[in-house]
């Protein structure tokens, strides 16, 4: 999916209201949904596991490690695939769609956000260089298609 232009107007935190995660009980896809700051609720449609969290602030939303894990939850993201010697991940289908639009664009433009101004925390500015590199575009787009497929499977089950 290659487009001609992408306007960078989103931030990672725009996608954290509902996350797809690995259920800690059955290891299948579950939803972690924002309830009210700082509370989130986990619900697994497969095994019925539910849990409420009061997220602890650890500086960011993701923890470093071999796979993307959510800080304050100790949960692993469901949407992750190997790509270009690293791990490409997404929070949810909307996040994956935004990444596809950004990676597939030939021209990427930054714009001043009307409320947030010029900050170095937009989605595009925080992505690793290997994701944005033109030489990796075909492989990253294939990986994003795989993430989209995983999200569709999770929504059907």
Protein backbone atom coordinates (compact mmCIF):
# COMPACT_ATOMS: atom_id res chain seq x y z
CA UNK A 1 0.00 0.00 0.00
CA UNK A 2 2.05 2.92 -1.27
CA UNK A 3 0.59 6.40 -1.24
CA UNK A 4 2.11 9.66 -2.33
CA UNK A 5 1.87 11.69 0.88
CA UNK A 6 1.43 11.28 4.65
CA UNK A 7 0.74 14.12 7.08
CA UNK A 8 2.14 13.31 10.50
CA UNK A 9 -0.62 14.40 12.87
CA UNK A 10 -0.88 11.45 15.26
CA UNK A 11 0.82 10.52 18.49
CA UNK A 12 1.35 7.06 19.96
CA UNK A 13 -0.91 7.91 22.88
CA UNK A 14 -3.76 8.46 20.40
CA UNK A 15 -3.98 4.66 20.09
CA UNK A 16 -3.93 3.44 23.71
CA UNK A 17 -7.66 3.44 24.54
CA UNK A 18 -7.98 -0.20 23.48
CA UNK A 19 -4.99 -2.51 23.11
CA UNK A 20 -4.72 -6.09 21.90
CA UNK A 21 -2.63 -8.09 24.39
CA UNK A 22 -1.75 -11.70 25.15
CA UNK A 23 -4.08 -13.04 27.85
CA UNK A 24 -2.04 -13.97 30.95
CA UNK A 25 -4.29 -17.00 31.52
CA UNK A 26 -4.80 -18.63 28.10
CA UNK A 27 -2.17 -16.80 25.95
CA UNK A 28 -4.72 -15.86 23.28
CA UNK A 29 -5.76 -12.36 22.18
CA UNK A 30 -7.46 -10.24 24.82
CA UNK A 31 -8.48 -6.58 25.01
CA UNK A 32 -7.08 -4.07 27.45
CA UNK A 33 -9.48 -1.13 27.51
CA UNK A 34 -9.02 2.30 29.03
CA UNK A 35 -11.71 2.95 31.66
CA UNK A 36 -10.71 6.07 33.57
CA UNK A 37 -7.24 7.42 34.30
CA UNK A 38 -5.23 5.46 35.35
CA UNK A 39 -7.53 2.42 35.18
CA UNK A 40 -7.64 -0.23 32.49
CA UNK A 41 -9.68 -3.44 32.22
CA UNK A 42 -8.49 -6.68 30.63
CA UNK A 43 -11.15 -8.94 29.09
CA UNK A 44 -10.46 -12.21 27.29
CA UNK A 45 -13.30 -13.53 25.13
CA UNK A 46 -11.63 -16.97 24.94
CA UNK A 47 -11.27 -17.95 28.59
CA UNK A 48 -13.39 -15.27 30.28
CA UNK A 49 -10.48 -13.88 32.27
CA UNK A 50 -11.00 -10.29 33.44
CA UNK A 51 -8.84 -8.05 35.53
CA UNK A 52 -8.76 -4.38 36.42
CA UNK A 53 -5.48 -2.49 36.52
CA UNK A 54 -4.43 0.79 37.96
CA UNK A 55 -1.45 1.40 35.72
CA UNK A 56 1.73 2.40 37.47
CA UNK A 57 3.72 5.09 35.71
CA UNK A 58 7.13 3.84 34.55
CA UNK A 59 8.02 6.73 32.29
CA UNK A 60 6.57 5.25 29.10
CA UNK A 61 3.94 2.84 27.89
CA UNK A 62 6.26 0.11 26.59
CA UNK A 63 8.99 -1.74 28.44
CA UNK A 64 12.23 -2.79 26.75
CA UNK A 65 12.80 -6.49 26.24
CA UNK A 66 12.68 -9.22 23.60
CA UNK A 67 9.05 -8.46 22.75
CA UNK A 68 6.94 -5.39 23.39
CA UNK A 69 5.49 -5.47 26.92
CA UNK A 70 3.28 -2.81 28.43
CA UNK A 71 4.83 -0.91 31.33
CA UNK A 72 2.72 -1.08 34.48
CA UNK A 73 0.77 -4.12 33.25
CA UNK A 74 3.40 -6.80 32.56
CA UNK A 75 1.39 -7.80 29.49
CA UNK A 76 2.77 -8.59 26.05
CA UNK A 77 1.25 -6.97 22.97
CA UNK A 78 -0.63 -9.39 20.72
CA UNK A 79 0.27 -7.63 17.48
CA UNK A 80 3.96 -8.31 16.90
CA UNK A 81 5.99 -9.96 14.16
CA UNK A 82 9.69 -10.26 13.34
CA UNK A 83 10.83 -7.73 10.77
CA UNK A 84 14.25 -6.53 9.54
CA UNK A 85 16.05 -8.22 12.44
CA UNK A 86 13.81 -6.62 15.06
CA UNK A 87 10.18 -6.80 16.20
CA UNK A 88 7.47 -4.73 14.56
CA UNK A 89 4.42 -4.23 16.76
CA UNK A 90 1.12 -2.40 16.92
CA UNK A 91 -1.31 -1.50 19.68
CA UNK A 92 -4.51 -2.18 17.72
CA UNK A 93 -5.90 -2.18 14.14
CA UNK A 94 -6.08 1.64 13.99
CA UNK A 95 -2.41 1.90 15.00
CA UNK A 96 -1.41 -0.65 12.34
CA UNK A 97 -3.43 1.25 9.70
CA UNK A 98 -1.66 4.50 10.60
CA UNK A 99 1.73 2.77 10.41
CA UNK A 100 0.82 1.36 6.97
CA UNK A 101 -0.11 4.85 5.74
CA UNK A 102 3.11 6.33 7.10
CA UNK A 103 5.47 3.61 5.85
CA UNK A 104 3.77 3.39 2.46
CA UNK A 105 3.99 7.14 1.79
CA UNK A 106 6.66 8.43 -0.59
CA UNK A 107 6.49 11.89 1.00
CA UNK A 108 6.13 12.32 4.77
CA UNK A 109 5.24 15.76 6.05
CA UNK A 110 5.28 17.01 9.61
CA UNK A 111 2.76 19.61 10.64
CA UNK A 112 2.44 21.70 13.75
CA UNK A 113 -0.30 20.27 15.95
CA UNK A 114 -2.83 23.00 16.85
CA UNK A 115 -2.77 22.11 20.56
CA UNK A 116 0.52 20.23 21.06
CA UNK A 117 2.74 22.39 18.84
CA UNK A 118 6.08 21.20 17.46
CA UNK A 119 7.06 18.36 19.71
CA UNK A 120 9.34 15.42 19.17
CA UNK A 121 6.72 12.93 20.24
CA UNK A 122 4.57 12.42 17.15
CA UNK A 123 4.15 8.85 15.97
CA UNK A 124 6.48 9.32 12.99
CA UNK A 125 9.21 11.05 14.99
CA UNK A 126 9.35 8.22 17.54
CA UNK A 127 9.60 5.33 15.09
CA UNK A 128 12.98 3.64 14.65
CA UNK A 129 14.85 4.56 11.49
CA UNK A 130 14.68 1.01 10.13
CA UNK A 131 10.85 1.26 10.02
CA UNK A 132 10.95 4.52 8.04
CA UNK A 133 13.81 3.53 5.73
CA UNK A 134 12.87 3.33 2.04
CA UNK A 135 15.09 0.27 1.58
CA UNK A 136 13.02 -1.61 4.20
CA UNK A 137 9.63 -0.42 2.91
CA UNK A 138 8.60 -3.68 1.15
CA UNK A 139 9.51 -5.87 4.14
CA UNK A 140 7.92 -3.51 6.68
CA UNK A 141 4.71 -3.30 4.60
CA UNK A 142 4.57 -7.13 4.45
CA UNK A 143 5.00 -7.27 8.22
CA UNK A 144 2.27 -4.65 8.70
CA UNK A 145 -0.04 -6.75 6.51
CA UNK A 146 0.71 -9.70 8.81
CA UNK A 147 -0.15 -7.53 11.84
CA UNK A 148 -3.42 -6.49 10.16
CA UNK A 149 -4.23 -10.18 9.58
CA UNK A 150 -3.51 -10.99 13.25
CA UNK A 151 -5.85 -8.15 14.30
CA UNK A 152 -8.60 -9.43 11.98
CA UNK A 153 -8.23 -12.97 13.39
CA UNK A 154 -8.47 -11.60 16.93
CA UNK A 155 -11.66 -9.71 16.12
CA UNK A 156 -13.30 -12.82 14.60
CA UNK A 157 -12.58 -15.11 17.53
